[in-house]
Amino acid sequence: MIATSFRFLISILRRDSSPARRLSLLAACALVSFAMGACGSSRPVKYYQISYPTKSVVAPDAINTALMVRPFESSHLYLDNKIVYGFDSPEMGTYEYQRWADPPVEMLQYALIRGLRASGRFKAVYSLRADPDGRYILAGYLYDFKEVDGSTIVARLNYVVRLRDRKTGATVWEHSYSYDEPVTEKTVSALAVGMDKNIQRSVQEIQSGLDEYFRANPIQ
């Protein structure tokens, strides 16, 4: 349709010799030409995901409790699925055509649910929505989920997670995770691989900490 409009304007321009009319038509042609160029230069958006465990078997000596994991709180940057990059400075930005499959706060929630469930160390692990009456709730705040370009390129993951006992209303366990996973090259694909490794490492660390807490504090 844009190409047809362009040809139509050109035909009028050839027939109309009025200077004012020709000037208006030339401006219209320029706008149509720009639109044609913009349409032709559009780029597809690419999405990146992390891996999640697919199997889940409860171990015979699993801790007899269910964990509820709620979405993490964070700044607006990590509530969206745009991939964030930064430097060893306050400056940050986002990629326009490369995005996560889900917002980072949700990716981290899913990773904890499926990772802790796959460990087999707990009776059950759900999202808070699936079991709103569960006793133990995991929640936290996501500080960093981004590419950082400095002397080396890293996938930076930084968050705090807390375990709350609804029976007492108290936070009974807390853990901070912060690690820079080296990225092999300056590509978004390499960043996704690095972030995947970082997330899996953090889930294992959280699982070990929770296991230790419940072993030291048996459920009454």
N, C-alpha and C. Protein backbone atom coordinates (compact mmCIF):
# COMPACT_ATOMS: atom_id res chain seq x y z
N MET A 1 0.83 -1.21 0.00
CA MET A 1 0.00 0.00 0.00
C MET A 1 0.87 1.26 0.00
N ILE A 2 1.95 1.25 0.76
CA ILE A 2 2.84 2.41 0.79
C ILE A 2 3.47 2.64 -0.58
N ALA A 3 3.88 1.55 -1.23
CA ALA A 3 4.49 1.67 -2.56
C ALA A 3 3.49 2.23 -3.57
N THR A 4 2.22 1.82 -3.47
CA THR A 4 1.18 2.32 -4.37
C THR A 4 0.97 3.82 -4.16
N SER A 5 0.96 4.25 -2.90
CA SER A 5 0.80 5.67 -2.60
C SER A 5 1.96 6.48 -3.15
N PHE A 6 3.15 5.92 -3.07
CA PHE A 6 4.33 6.61 -3.57
C PHE A 6 4.23 6.81 -5.08
N ARG A 7 3.83 5.76 -5.80
CA ARG A 7 3.70 5.88 -7.26
C ARG A 7 2.61 6.88 -7.64
N PHE A 8 1.52 6.91 -6.85
CA PHE A 8 0.44 7.85 -7.12
C PHE A 8 0.92 9.30 -6.96
N LEU A 9 1.68 9.58 -5.91
CA LEU A 9 2.19 10.93 -5.69
C LEU A 9 3.15 11.35 -6.80
N ILE A 10 3.97 10.43 -7.25
CA ILE A 10 4.90 10.73 -8.34
C ILE A 10 4.16 11.08 -9.61
N SER A 11 3.06 10.36 -9.89
CA SER A 11 2.29 10.64 -11.11
C SER A 11 1.67 12.03 -11.06
N ILE A 12 1.19 12.43 -9.85
CA ILE A 12 0.63 13.78 -9.72
C ILE A 12 1.73 14.82 -9.88
N LEU A 13 2.86 14.56 -9.33
CA LEU A 13 3.99 15.49 -9.39
C LEU A 13 4.39 15.76 -10.84
N ARG A 14 4.34 14.74 -11.66
CA ARG A 14 4.72 14.89 -13.07
C ARG A 14 3.70 15.74 -13.83
N ARG A 15 2.41 15.68 -13.41
CA ARG A 15 1.38 16.39 -14.15
C ARG A 15 1.20 17.83 -13.65
N ASP A 16 1.53 18.09 -12.36
CA ASP A 16 1.27 19.41 -11.76
C ASP A 16 2.55 20.24 -11.79
N SER A 17 2.49 21.40 -12.43
CA SER A 17 3.68 22.25 -12.57
C SER A 17 3.69 23.42 -11.58
N SER A 18 2.62 23.55 -10.76
CA SER A 18 2.55 24.64 -9.79
C SER A 18 3.67 24.49 -8.76
N PRO A 19 4.49 25.55 -8.54
CA PRO A 19 5.60 25.45 -7.58
C PRO A 19 5.14 25.07 -6.18
N ALA A 20 4.07 25.72 -5.68
CA ALA A 20 3.59 25.41 -4.33
C ALA A 20 3.09 23.97 -4.25
N ARG A 21 2.38 23.57 -5.31
CA ARG A 21 1.86 22.20 -5.33
C ARG A 21 2.99 21.18 -5.39
N ARG A 22 4.00 21.48 -6.19
CA ARG A 22 5.12 20.55 -6.33
C ARG A 22 5.89 20.43 -5.01
N LEU A 23 6.01 21.54 -4.28
CA LEU A 23 6.71 21.52 -3.00
C LEU A 23 5.98 20.63 -2.00
N SER A 24 4.65 20.74 -1.97
CA SER A 24 3.86 19.93 -1.05
C SER A 24 3.96 18.45 -1.40
N LEU A 25 3.92 18.17 -2.71
CA LEU A 25 4.01 16.78 -3.14
C LEU A 25 5.39 16.19 -2.86
N LEU A 26 6.45 17.01 -3.03
CA LEU A 26 7.79 16.52 -2.73
C LEU A 26 7.92 16.17 -1.24
N ALA A 27 7.32 16.98 -0.37
CA ALA A 27 7.35 16.69 1.06
C ALA A 27 6.61 15.39 1.36
N ALA A 28 5.47 15.19 0.71
CA ALA A 28 4.70 13.97 0.91
C ALA A 28 5.48 12.75 0.43
N CYS A 29 6.16 12.90 -0.72
CA CYS A 29 6.98 11.81 -1.25
C CYS A 29 8.10 11.44 -0.27
N ALA A 30 8.69 12.46 0.34
CA ALA A 30 9.78 12.21 1.29
C ALA A 30 9.27 11.43 2.49
N LEU A 31 8.07 11.77 2.98
CA LEU A 31 7.50 11.06 4.10
C LEU A 31 7.18 9.61 3.76
N VAL A 32 6.62 9.41 2.57
CA VAL A 32 6.30 8.04 2.13
C VAL A 32 7.57 7.23 1.96
N SER A 33 8.60 7.86 1.40
CA SER A 33 9.88 7.17 1.20
C SER A 33 10.49 6.75 2.54
N PHE A 34 10.38 7.64 3.53
CA PHE A 34 10.89 7.32 4.87
C PHE A 34 10.14 6.15 5.47
N ALA A 35 8.81 6.14 5.29
CA ALA A 35 8.00 5.05 5.82
C ALA A 35 8.36 3.73 5.17
N MET A 36 8.62 3.77 3.84
CA MET A 36 9.00 2.54 3.14
C MET A 36 10.33 2.01 3.68
N GLY A 37 11.26 2.93 3.96
CA GLY A 37 12.55 2.52 4.49
C GLY A 37 12.43 1.96 5.88
N ALA A 38 11.56 2.57 6.70
CA ALA A 38 11.38 2.09 8.06
C ALA A 38 10.77 0.70 8.07
N CYS A 39 9.80 0.47 7.18
CA CYS A 39 9.18 -0.85 7.12
C CYS A 39 10.19 -1.91 6.69
N GLY A 40 11.05 -1.55 5.77
CA GLY A 40 12.01 -2.52 5.26
C GLY A 40 13.13 -2.83 6.22
N SER A 41 13.37 -1.93 7.20
CA SER A 41 14.50 -2.12 8.10
C SER A 41 14.11 -2.69 9.45
N SER A 42 12.86 -3.11 9.65
CA SER A 42 12.42 -3.67 10.93
C SER A 42 13.18 -4.95 11.23
N ARG A 43 13.52 -5.14 12.52
CA ARG A 43 14.28 -6.31 12.94
C ARG A 43 13.43 -7.19 13.84
N PRO A 44 13.57 -8.49 13.72
CA PRO A 44 12.81 -9.39 14.60
C PRO A 44 13.37 -9.36 16.02
N VAL A 45 12.51 -9.51 17.00
CA VAL A 45 12.93 -9.58 18.40
C VAL A 45 13.30 -11.02 18.73
N LYS A 46 14.45 -11.21 19.37
CA LYS A 46 14.89 -12.53 19.79
C LYS A 46 14.70 -12.68 21.30
N TYR A 47 14.26 -13.87 21.71
CA TYR A 47 14.00 -14.13 23.12
C TYR A 47 14.96 -15.20 23.64
N TYR A 48 15.33 -15.06 24.92
CA TYR A 48 16.29 -15.98 25.53
C TYR A 48 15.70 -16.52 26.84
N GLN A 49 15.93 -17.81 27.08
CA GLN A 49 15.41 -18.43 28.27
C GLN A 49 16.53 -19.17 29.01
N ILE A 50 16.23 -19.59 30.23
CA ILE A 50 17.17 -20.40 30.99
C ILE A 50 16.60 -21.81 31.09
N SER A 51 17.40 -22.74 31.58
CA SER A 51 16.95 -24.13 31.69
C SER A 51 16.34 -24.38 33.07
N TYR A 52 15.34 -25.26 33.11
CA TYR A 52 14.71 -25.65 34.34
C TYR A 52 14.71 -27.17 34.45
N PRO A 53 14.85 -27.71 35.67
CA PRO A 53 14.78 -29.17 35.83
C PRO A 53 13.43 -29.70 35.38
N THR A 54 13.43 -30.89 34.80
CA THR A 54 12.18 -31.49 34.31
C THR A 54 11.67 -32.62 35.19
N LYS A 55 12.54 -33.19 36.03
CA LYS A 55 12.13 -34.32 36.87
C LYS A 55 12.08 -33.90 38.33
N SER A 56 11.19 -34.54 39.07
CA SER A 56 11.05 -34.23 40.49
C SER A 56 10.65 -35.49 41.24
N VAL A 57 11.52 -35.95 42.14
CA VAL A 57 11.23 -37.12 42.96
C VAL A 57 11.52 -36.78 44.41
N VAL A 58 10.53 -36.93 45.29
CA VAL A 58 10.71 -36.61 46.70
C VAL A 58 11.55 -37.70 47.36
N ALA A 59 12.63 -37.30 48.01
CA ALA A 59 13.53 -38.26 48.66
C ALA A 59 12.85 -38.86 49.89
N PRO A 60 13.21 -40.11 50.25
CA PRO A 60 12.61 -40.75 51.43
C PRO A 60 12.82 -39.95 52.72
N ASP A 61 13.96 -39.25 52.83
CA ASP A 61 14.25 -38.48 54.04
C ASP A 61 13.98 -36.99 53.84
N ALA A 62 13.07 -36.65 52.93
CA ALA A 62 12.76 -35.25 52.65
C ALA A 62 12.17 -34.57 53.87
N ILE A 63 12.39 -33.27 53.97
CA ILE A 63 11.84 -32.48 55.06
C ILE A 63 10.32 -32.40 54.89
N ASN A 64 9.59 -32.68 55.95
CA ASN A 64 8.14 -32.79 55.87
C ASN A 64 7.47 -31.42 55.92
N THR A 65 7.70 -30.65 54.89
CA THR A 65 7.04 -29.35 54.79
C THR A 65 6.94 -28.94 53.34
N ALA A 66 6.00 -28.05 53.06
CA ALA A 66 5.85 -27.49 51.72
C ALA A 66 6.34 -26.04 51.74
N LEU A 67 6.97 -25.63 50.66
CA LEU A 67 7.46 -24.26 50.52
C LEU A 67 6.63 -23.54 49.46
N MET A 68 6.25 -22.30 49.76
CA MET A 68 5.55 -21.46 48.79
C MET A 68 6.52 -20.37 48.34
N VAL A 69 6.68 -20.19 47.05
CA VAL A 69 7.60 -19.18 46.52
C VAL A 69 6.78 -18.10 45.81
N ARG A 70 6.95 -16.87 46.25
CA ARG A 70 6.21 -15.77 45.63
C ARG A 70 7.14 -14.99 44.70
N PRO A 71 6.59 -14.21 43.77
CA PRO A 71 7.43 -13.41 42.87
C PRO A 71 8.29 -12.44 43.66
N PHE A 72 9.51 -12.19 43.18
CA PHE A 72 10.42 -11.28 43.85
C PHE A 72 10.02 -9.83 43.59
N GLU A 73 10.31 -8.99 44.54
CA GLU A 73 10.18 -7.55 44.33
C GLU A 73 11.46 -7.05 43.67
N SER A 74 11.37 -5.94 42.97
CA SER A 74 12.54 -5.39 42.29
C SER A 74 12.22 -4.02 41.72
N SER A 75 13.22 -3.40 41.10
CA SER A 75 12.99 -2.15 40.38
C SER A 75 12.22 -2.45 39.11
N HIS A 76 11.68 -1.40 38.48
CA HIS A 76 10.88 -1.60 37.27
C HIS A 76 11.67 -2.25 36.14
N LEU A 77 13.00 -2.11 36.15
CA LEU A 77 13.83 -2.68 35.09
C LEU A 77 13.66 -4.19 35.01
N TYR A 78 13.52 -4.85 36.16
CA TYR A 78 13.45 -6.30 36.18
C TYR A 78 12.02 -6.83 36.26
N LEU A 79 11.05 -5.91 36.18
CA LEU A 79 9.66 -6.31 36.06
C LEU A 79 9.27 -6.44 34.59
N ASP A 80 10.16 -6.00 33.71
CA ASP A 80 9.98 -6.10 32.26
C ASP A 80 10.91 -7.18 31.75
N ASN A 81 10.72 -7.61 30.50
CA ASN A 81 11.57 -8.69 29.98
C ASN A 81 12.74 -8.19 29.13
N LYS A 82 12.96 -6.88 29.06
CA LYS A 82 14.11 -6.38 28.32
C LYS A 82 15.41 -6.74 29.05
N ILE A 83 16.43 -7.10 28.29
CA ILE A 83 17.71 -7.49 28.87
C ILE A 83 18.50 -6.23 29.24
N VAL A 84 18.93 -6.16 30.48
CA VAL A 84 19.63 -4.99 31.01
C VAL A 84 21.13 -5.19 30.91
N TYR A 85 21.83 -4.15 30.51
CA TYR A 85 23.29 -4.17 30.52
C TYR A 85 23.79 -2.95 31.28
N GLY A 86 25.04 -3.04 31.77
CA GLY A 86 25.61 -1.93 32.50
C GLY A 86 27.12 -1.97 32.45
N PHE A 87 27.73 -1.07 33.19
CA PHE A 87 29.19 -0.96 33.21
C PHE A 87 29.64 -0.82 34.67
N ASP A 88 30.92 -0.67 34.88
CA ASP A 88 31.41 -0.40 36.24
C ASP A 88 31.20 1.08 36.54
N SER A 89 29.96 1.49 36.44
CA SER A 89 29.55 2.88 36.64
C SER A 89 28.04 2.89 36.87
N PRO A 90 27.45 4.03 37.20
CA PRO A 90 26.00 4.06 37.41
C PRO A 90 25.19 3.86 36.12
N GLU A 91 25.83 3.95 34.95
CA GLU A 91 25.10 3.89 33.68
C GLU A 91 24.56 2.49 33.39
N MET A 92 23.31 2.43 32.93
CA MET A 92 22.69 1.18 32.51
C MET A 92 21.83 1.43 31.27
N GLY A 93 21.51 0.36 30.56
CA GLY A 93 20.65 0.45 29.40
C GLY A 93 19.98 -0.88 29.14
N THR A 94 19.15 -0.95 28.11
CA THR A 94 18.48 -2.19 27.75
C THR A 94 18.62 -2.46 26.26
N TYR A 95 18.70 -3.71 25.90
CA TYR A 95 18.71 -4.09 24.49
C TYR A 95 17.29 -3.97 23.94
N GLU A 96 17.18 -3.50 22.71
CA GLU A 96 15.87 -3.29 22.11
C GLU A 96 15.32 -4.55 21.45
N TYR A 97 16.19 -5.34 20.82
CA TYR A 97 15.73 -6.48 20.03
C TYR A 97 16.09 -7.83 20.65
N GLN A 98 16.67 -7.84 21.85
CA GLN A 98 16.96 -9.07 22.57
C GLN A 98 16.28 -8.98 23.93
N ARG A 99 15.48 -10.00 24.26
CA ARG A 99 14.72 -9.95 25.50
C ARG A 99 14.68 -11.33 26.16
N TRP A 100 14.44 -11.33 27.45
CA TRP A 100 14.23 -12.58 28.17
C TRP A 100 12.85 -13.13 27.82
N ALA A 101 12.68 -14.43 27.96
CA ALA A 101 11.38 -15.03 27.68
C ALA A 101 10.34 -14.58 28.70
N ASP A 102 10.80 -14.28 29.93
CA ASP A 102 9.93 -13.79 31.00
C ASP A 102 10.68 -12.69 31.76
N PRO A 103 9.97 -11.86 32.50
CA PRO A 103 10.66 -10.87 33.34
C PRO A 103 11.58 -11.58 34.33
N PRO A 104 12.75 -11.02 34.63
CA PRO A 104 13.69 -11.67 35.56
C PRO A 104 13.09 -12.05 36.91
N VAL A 105 12.18 -11.24 37.46
CA VAL A 105 11.57 -11.60 38.76
C VAL A 105 10.81 -12.92 38.65
N GLU A 106 10.20 -13.18 37.51
CA GLU A 106 9.46 -14.42 37.31
C GLU A 106 10.41 -15.57 36.99
N MET A 107 11.47 -15.30 36.23
CA MET A 107 12.45 -16.34 35.93
C MET A 107 13.09 -16.86 37.20
N LEU A 108 13.41 -15.96 38.12
CA LEU A 108 14.02 -16.37 39.38
C LEU A 108 13.03 -17.16 40.23
N GLN A 109 11.79 -16.74 40.25
CA GLN A 109 10.76 -17.47 40.99
C GLN A 109 10.60 -18.89 40.43
N TYR A 110 10.48 -19.03 39.10
CA TYR A 110 10.34 -20.33 38.48
C TYR A 110 11.55 -21.21 38.75
N ALA A 111 12.74 -20.60 38.70
CA ALA A 111 13.97 -21.37 38.92
C ALA A 111 14.01 -21.94 40.33
N LEU A 112 13.59 -21.15 41.31
CA LEU A 112 13.58 -21.63 42.69
C LEU A 112 12.51 -22.71 42.89
N ILE A 113 11.33 -22.51 42.34
CA ILE A 113 10.28 -23.51 42.48
C ILE A 113 10.71 -24.84 41.89
N ARG A 114 11.16 -24.82 40.65
CA ARG A 114 11.49 -26.08 39.97
C ARG A 114 12.80 -26.67 40.46
N GLY A 115 13.75 -25.80 40.83
CA GLY A 115 15.01 -26.31 41.35
C GLY A 115 14.87 -26.95 42.72
N LEU A 116 14.17 -26.27 43.63
CA LEU A 116 13.96 -26.81 44.97
C LEU A 116 13.08 -28.06 44.91
N ARG A 117 12.11 -28.07 44.02
CA ARG A 117 11.26 -29.24 43.87
C ARG A 117 12.08 -30.43 43.35
N ALA A 118 12.95 -30.17 42.37
CA ALA A 118 13.75 -31.24 41.78
C ALA A 118 14.80 -31.78 42.75
N SER A 119 15.17 -30.99 43.78
CA SER A 119 16.17 -31.47 44.74
C SER A 119 15.66 -32.65 45.55
N GLY A 120 14.34 -32.75 45.66
CA GLY A 120 13.75 -33.85 46.43
C GLY A 120 13.88 -33.70 47.93
N ARG A 121 14.34 -32.53 48.40
CA ARG A 121 14.60 -32.34 49.82
C ARG A 121 13.38 -31.82 50.58
N PHE A 122 12.29 -31.50 49.86
CA PHE A 122 11.11 -30.95 50.51
C PHE A 122 9.87 -31.71 50.05
N LYS A 123 8.89 -31.75 50.93
CA LYS A 123 7.66 -32.48 50.62
C LYS A 123 7.01 -31.96 49.35
N ALA A 124 7.00 -30.64 49.21
CA ALA A 124 6.42 -30.01 48.01
C ALA A 124 6.93 -28.58 47.91
N VAL A 125 6.93 -28.05 46.69
CA VAL A 125 7.30 -26.65 46.44
C VAL A 125 6.33 -26.10 45.41
N TYR A 126 5.66 -25.02 45.74
CA TYR A 126 4.65 -24.43 44.87
C TYR A 126 4.86 -22.93 44.75
N SER A 127 4.10 -22.34 43.84
CA SER A 127 3.99 -20.89 43.84
C SER A 127 2.98 -20.53 44.92
N LEU A 128 3.04 -19.32 45.43
CA LEU A 128 2.11 -18.91 46.48
C LEU A 128 0.67 -18.99 46.00
N ARG A 129 0.45 -18.73 44.74
CA ARG A 129 -0.90 -18.77 44.18
C ARG A 129 -1.49 -20.18 44.25
N ALA A 130 -0.63 -21.20 44.10
CA ALA A 130 -1.11 -22.57 44.08
C ALA A 130 -1.54 -23.04 45.47
N ASP A 131 -0.95 -22.49 46.52
CA ASP A 131 -1.29 -22.89 47.88
C ASP A 131 -1.22 -21.66 48.79
N PRO A 132 -2.25 -20.82 48.77
CA PRO A 132 -2.21 -19.56 49.53
C PRO A 132 -2.20 -19.75 51.04
N ASP A 133 -2.46 -20.98 51.52
CA ASP A 133 -2.51 -21.23 52.95
C ASP A 133 -1.25 -21.92 53.47
N GLY A 134 -0.22 -22.04 52.64
CA GLY A 134 1.01 -22.70 53.07
C GLY A 134 1.67 -21.98 54.23
N ARG A 135 2.39 -22.75 55.05
CA ARG A 135 2.99 -22.16 56.26
C ARG A 135 4.26 -21.38 55.96
N TYR A 136 5.14 -21.93 55.11
CA TYR A 136 6.44 -21.30 54.86
C TYR A 136 6.46 -20.63 53.49
N ILE A 137 6.82 -19.36 53.49
CA ILE A 137 6.84 -18.59 52.24
C ILE A 137 8.26 -18.06 51.98
N LEU A 138 8.73 -18.31 50.76
CA LEU A 138 10.00 -17.74 50.32
C LEU A 138 9.71 -16.50 49.49
N ALA A 139 10.36 -15.41 49.82
CA ALA A 139 10.19 -14.16 49.07
C ALA A 139 11.49 -13.38 49.18
N GLY A 140 11.63 -12.37 48.35
CA GLY A 140 12.87 -11.60 48.43
C GLY A 140 12.88 -10.41 47.50
N TYR A 141 14.07 -9.86 47.31
CA TYR A 141 14.25 -8.68 46.46
C TYR A 141 15.40 -8.94 45.49
N LEU A 142 15.13 -8.71 44.21
CA LEU A 142 16.14 -8.87 43.16
C LEU A 142 16.82 -7.53 42.91
N TYR A 143 18.14 -7.48 43.13
CA TYR A 143 18.90 -6.24 42.96
C TYR A 143 19.54 -6.13 41.57
N ASP A 144 20.13 -7.22 41.10
CA ASP A 144 20.82 -7.20 39.80
C ASP A 144 20.55 -8.48 39.02
N PHE A 145 20.27 -8.31 37.75
CA PHE A 145 20.07 -9.43 36.83
C PHE A 145 20.47 -8.88 35.46
N LYS A 146 21.80 -8.72 35.24
CA LYS A 146 22.21 -7.96 34.07
C LYS A 146 23.60 -8.35 33.58
N GLU A 147 23.89 -7.89 32.38
CA GLU A 147 25.24 -7.98 31.81
C GLU A 147 26.03 -6.78 32.30
N VAL A 148 27.27 -7.02 32.73
CA VAL A 148 28.14 -5.94 33.16
C VAL A 148 29.42 -5.99 32.34
N ASP A 149 29.70 -4.91 31.63
CA ASP A 149 30.89 -4.80 30.79
C ASP A 149 31.96 -4.00 31.51
N GLY A 150 33.07 -4.65 31.80
CA GLY A 150 34.21 -3.98 32.43
C GLY A 150 35.48 -4.52 31.82
N SER A 151 36.46 -4.81 32.64
CA SER A 151 37.67 -5.46 32.12
C SER A 151 37.34 -6.83 31.57
N THR A 152 36.29 -7.45 32.13
CA THR A 152 35.72 -8.68 31.59
C THR A 152 34.20 -8.51 31.52
N ILE A 153 33.53 -9.40 30.84
CA ILE A 153 32.07 -9.37 30.73
C ILE A 153 31.51 -10.43 31.66
N VAL A 154 30.54 -10.05 32.49
CA VAL A 154 29.97 -11.01 33.44
C VAL A 154 28.45 -10.91 33.43
N ALA A 155 27.83 -12.01 33.86
CA ALA A 155 26.39 -12.04 34.12
C ALA A 155 26.22 -11.87 35.62
N ARG A 156 25.75 -10.71 36.03
CA ARG A 156 25.65 -10.39 37.46
C ARG A 156 24.27 -10.72 38.01
N LEU A 157 24.26 -11.52 39.07
CA LEU A 157 23.02 -11.88 39.76
C LEU A 157 23.18 -11.55 41.24
N ASN A 158 22.26 -10.76 41.76
CA ASN A 158 22.35 -10.33 43.14
C ASN A 158 20.93 -10.22 43.71
N TYR A 159 20.65 -11.02 44.74
CA TYR A 159 19.33 -10.95 45.35
C TYR A 159 19.39 -11.43 46.80
N VAL A 160 18.36 -11.11 47.55
CA VAL A 160 18.21 -11.59 48.91
C VAL A 160 16.90 -12.37 48.99
N VAL A 161 16.91 -13.48 49.71
CA VAL A 161 15.70 -14.29 49.85
C VAL A 161 15.46 -14.54 51.33
N ARG A 162 14.19 -14.52 51.73
CA ARG A 162 13.81 -14.70 53.13
C ARG A 162 12.74 -15.77 53.26
N LEU A 163 12.82 -16.53 54.33
CA LEU A 163 11.81 -17.55 54.63
C LEU A 163 10.97 -17.04 55.80
N ARG A 164 9.66 -16.93 55.57
CA ARG A 164 8.76 -16.45 56.62
C ARG A 164 7.85 -17.57 57.08
N ASP A 165 7.71 -17.68 58.39
CA ASP A 165 6.82 -18.67 59.00
C ASP A 165 5.50 -17.97 59.30
N ARG A 166 4.46 -18.34 58.59
CA ARG A 166 3.16 -17.71 58.79
C ARG A 166 2.57 -17.99 60.18
N LYS A 167 2.98 -19.09 60.75
CA LYS A 167 2.44 -19.46 62.06
C LYS A 167 2.86 -18.46 63.12
N THR A 168 4.10 -17.98 63.04
CA THR A 168 4.61 -17.02 64.01
C THR A 168 4.68 -15.61 63.45
N GLY A 169 4.64 -15.48 62.11
CA GLY A 169 4.75 -14.18 61.47
C GLY A 169 6.17 -13.67 61.39
N ALA A 170 7.14 -14.51 61.74
CA ALA A 170 8.54 -14.08 61.80
C ALA A 170 9.32 -14.56 60.58
N THR A 171 10.35 -13.78 60.21
CA THR A 171 11.31 -14.23 59.20
C THR A 171 12.32 -15.10 59.93
N VAL A 172 12.35 -16.38 59.57
CA VAL A 172 13.16 -17.34 60.32
C VAL A 172 14.50 -17.66 59.65
N TRP A 173 14.62 -17.25 58.39
CA TRP A 173 15.88 -17.54 57.68
C TRP A 173 16.04 -16.52 56.56
N GLU A 174 17.28 -16.11 56.33
CA GLU A 174 17.56 -15.13 55.27
C GLU A 174 18.90 -15.44 54.64
N HIS A 175 18.97 -15.22 53.34
CA HIS A 175 20.24 -15.49 52.64
C HIS A 175 20.43 -14.49 51.51
N SER A 176 21.65 -13.96 51.39
CA SER A 176 21.98 -13.06 50.28
C SER A 176 22.87 -13.79 49.29
N TYR A 177 22.54 -13.63 48.02
CA TYR A 177 23.34 -14.24 46.96
C TYR A 177 23.85 -13.15 46.03
N SER A 178 25.14 -13.18 45.73
CA SER A 178 25.73 -12.23 44.80
C SER A 178 26.92 -12.88 44.12
N TYR A 179 26.85 -12.95 42.79
CA TYR A 179 27.95 -13.58 42.06
C TYR A 179 28.00 -13.04 40.63
N ASP A 180 29.22 -12.87 40.13
CA ASP A 180 29.44 -12.47 38.74
C ASP A 180 29.94 -13.68 37.96
N GLU A 181 29.11 -14.21 37.09
CA GLU A 181 29.49 -15.36 36.27
C GLU A 181 30.18 -14.85 35.00
N PRO A 182 31.43 -15.28 34.75
CA PRO A 182 32.13 -14.84 33.54
C PRO A 182 31.38 -15.25 32.28
N VAL A 183 31.36 -14.36 31.29
CA VAL A 183 30.72 -14.62 30.00
C VAL A 183 31.83 -14.79 28.96
N THR A 184 31.72 -15.81 28.13
CA THR A 184 32.80 -16.17 27.21
C THR A 184 33.00 -15.19 26.07
N GLU A 185 31.95 -14.48 25.65
CA GLU A 185 32.06 -13.55 24.53
C GLU A 185 30.98 -12.49 24.62
N LYS A 186 31.15 -11.44 23.85
CA LYS A 186 30.22 -10.31 23.86
C LYS A 186 29.03 -10.59 22.94
N THR A 187 28.18 -11.54 23.36
CA THR A 187 26.94 -11.83 22.65
C THR A 187 25.85 -12.06 23.69
N VAL A 188 24.61 -11.83 23.29
CA VAL A 188 23.50 -12.05 24.22
C VAL A 188 23.33 -13.54 24.49
N SER A 189 23.61 -14.38 23.51
CA SER A 189 23.54 -15.83 23.72
C SER A 189 24.50 -16.27 24.81
N ALA A 190 25.72 -15.74 24.78
CA ALA A 190 26.70 -16.08 25.81
C ALA A 190 26.26 -15.54 27.17
N LEU A 191 25.65 -14.37 27.18
CA LEU A 191 25.12 -13.82 28.42
C LEU A 191 24.06 -14.74 29.01
N ALA A 192 23.15 -15.24 28.16
CA ALA A 192 22.09 -16.12 28.63
C ALA A 192 22.66 -17.40 29.23
N VAL A 193 23.71 -17.94 28.62
CA VAL A 193 24.36 -19.14 29.16
C VAL A 193 24.97 -18.84 30.53
N GLY A 194 25.66 -17.69 30.63
CA GLY A 194 26.27 -17.30 31.89
C GLY A 194 25.24 -17.07 32.98
N MET A 195 24.12 -16.41 32.64
CA MET A 195 23.08 -16.17 33.63
C MET A 195 22.42 -17.47 34.06
N ASP A 196 22.26 -18.39 33.14
CA ASP A 196 21.70 -19.70 33.46
C ASP A 196 22.57 -20.39 34.52
N LYS A 197 23.88 -20.41 34.31
CA LYS A 197 24.80 -21.02 35.28
C LYS A 197 24.70 -20.33 36.63
N ASN A 198 24.62 -19.01 36.61
CA ASN A 198 24.55 -18.24 37.84
C ASN A 198 23.28 -18.56 38.63
N ILE A 199 22.17 -18.63 37.93
CA ILE A 199 20.90 -18.93 38.59
C ILE A 199 20.92 -20.33 39.20
N GLN A 200 21.42 -21.32 38.45
CA GLN A 200 21.46 -22.69 38.96
C GLN A 200 22.35 -22.77 40.20
N ARG A 201 23.46 -22.04 40.19
CA ARG A 201 24.35 -22.02 41.36
C ARG A 201 23.61 -21.42 42.56
N SER A 202 22.86 -20.36 42.33
CA SER A 202 22.15 -19.72 43.44
C SER A 202 21.07 -20.64 44.00
N VAL A 203 20.38 -21.37 43.15
CA VAL A 203 19.33 -22.29 43.61
C VAL A 203 19.94 -23.38 44.49
N GLN A 204 21.08 -23.91 44.10
CA GLN A 204 21.75 -24.93 44.91
C GLN A 204 22.16 -24.37 46.27
N GLU A 205 22.60 -23.11 46.26
CA GLU A 205 23.01 -22.47 47.51
C GLU A 205 21.81 -22.26 48.43
N ILE A 206 20.69 -21.84 47.87
CA ILE A 206 19.47 -21.64 48.65
C ILE A 206 18.98 -22.98 49.19
N GLN A 207 19.01 -23.99 48.37
CA GLN A 207 18.55 -25.32 48.80
C GLN A 207 19.37 -25.84 49.97
N SER A 208 20.68 -25.69 49.89
CA SER A 208 21.55 -26.14 50.98
C SER A 208 21.28 -25.38 52.27
N GLY A 209 21.06 -24.06 52.14
CA GLY A 209 20.78 -23.25 53.31
C GLY A 209 19.46 -23.61 53.97
N LEU A 210 18.43 -23.85 53.17
CA LEU A 210 17.12 -24.23 53.71
C LEU A 210 17.19 -25.60 54.36
N ASP A 211 17.88 -26.52 53.71
CA ASP A 211 18.04 -27.87 54.26
C ASP A 211 18.70 -27.79 55.64
N GLU A 212 19.75 -26.99 55.75
CA GLU A 212 20.47 -26.83 57.02
C GLU A 212 19.56 -26.21 58.08
N TYR A 213 18.77 -25.21 57.68
CA TYR A 213 17.87 -24.56 58.65
C TYR A 213 16.85 -25.54 59.22
N PHE A 214 16.18 -26.28 58.34
CA PHE A 214 15.14 -27.19 58.81
C PHE A 214 15.71 -28.38 59.59
N ARG A 215 16.92 -28.78 59.29
CA ARG A 215 17.54 -29.85 60.07
C ARG A 215 17.85 -29.35 61.48
N ALA A 216 18.23 -28.11 61.58
CA ALA A 216 18.56 -27.54 62.90
C ALA A 216 17.30 -27.09 63.65
N ASN A 217 16.21 -26.88 62.93
CA ASN A 217 14.96 -26.41 63.53
C ASN A 217 13.80 -27.29 63.05
N PRO A 218 13.70 -28.49 63.61
CA PRO A 218 12.63 -29.40 63.17
C PRO A 218 11.26 -28.78 63.30
N ILE A 219 10.38 -29.08 62.37
CA ILE A 219 9.03 -28.52 62.38
C ILE A 219 8.23 -29.12 63.52
N GLN A 220 7.61 -28.24 64.31
CA GLN A 220 6.81 -28.69 65.47
C GLN A 220 5.38 -29.01 65.04
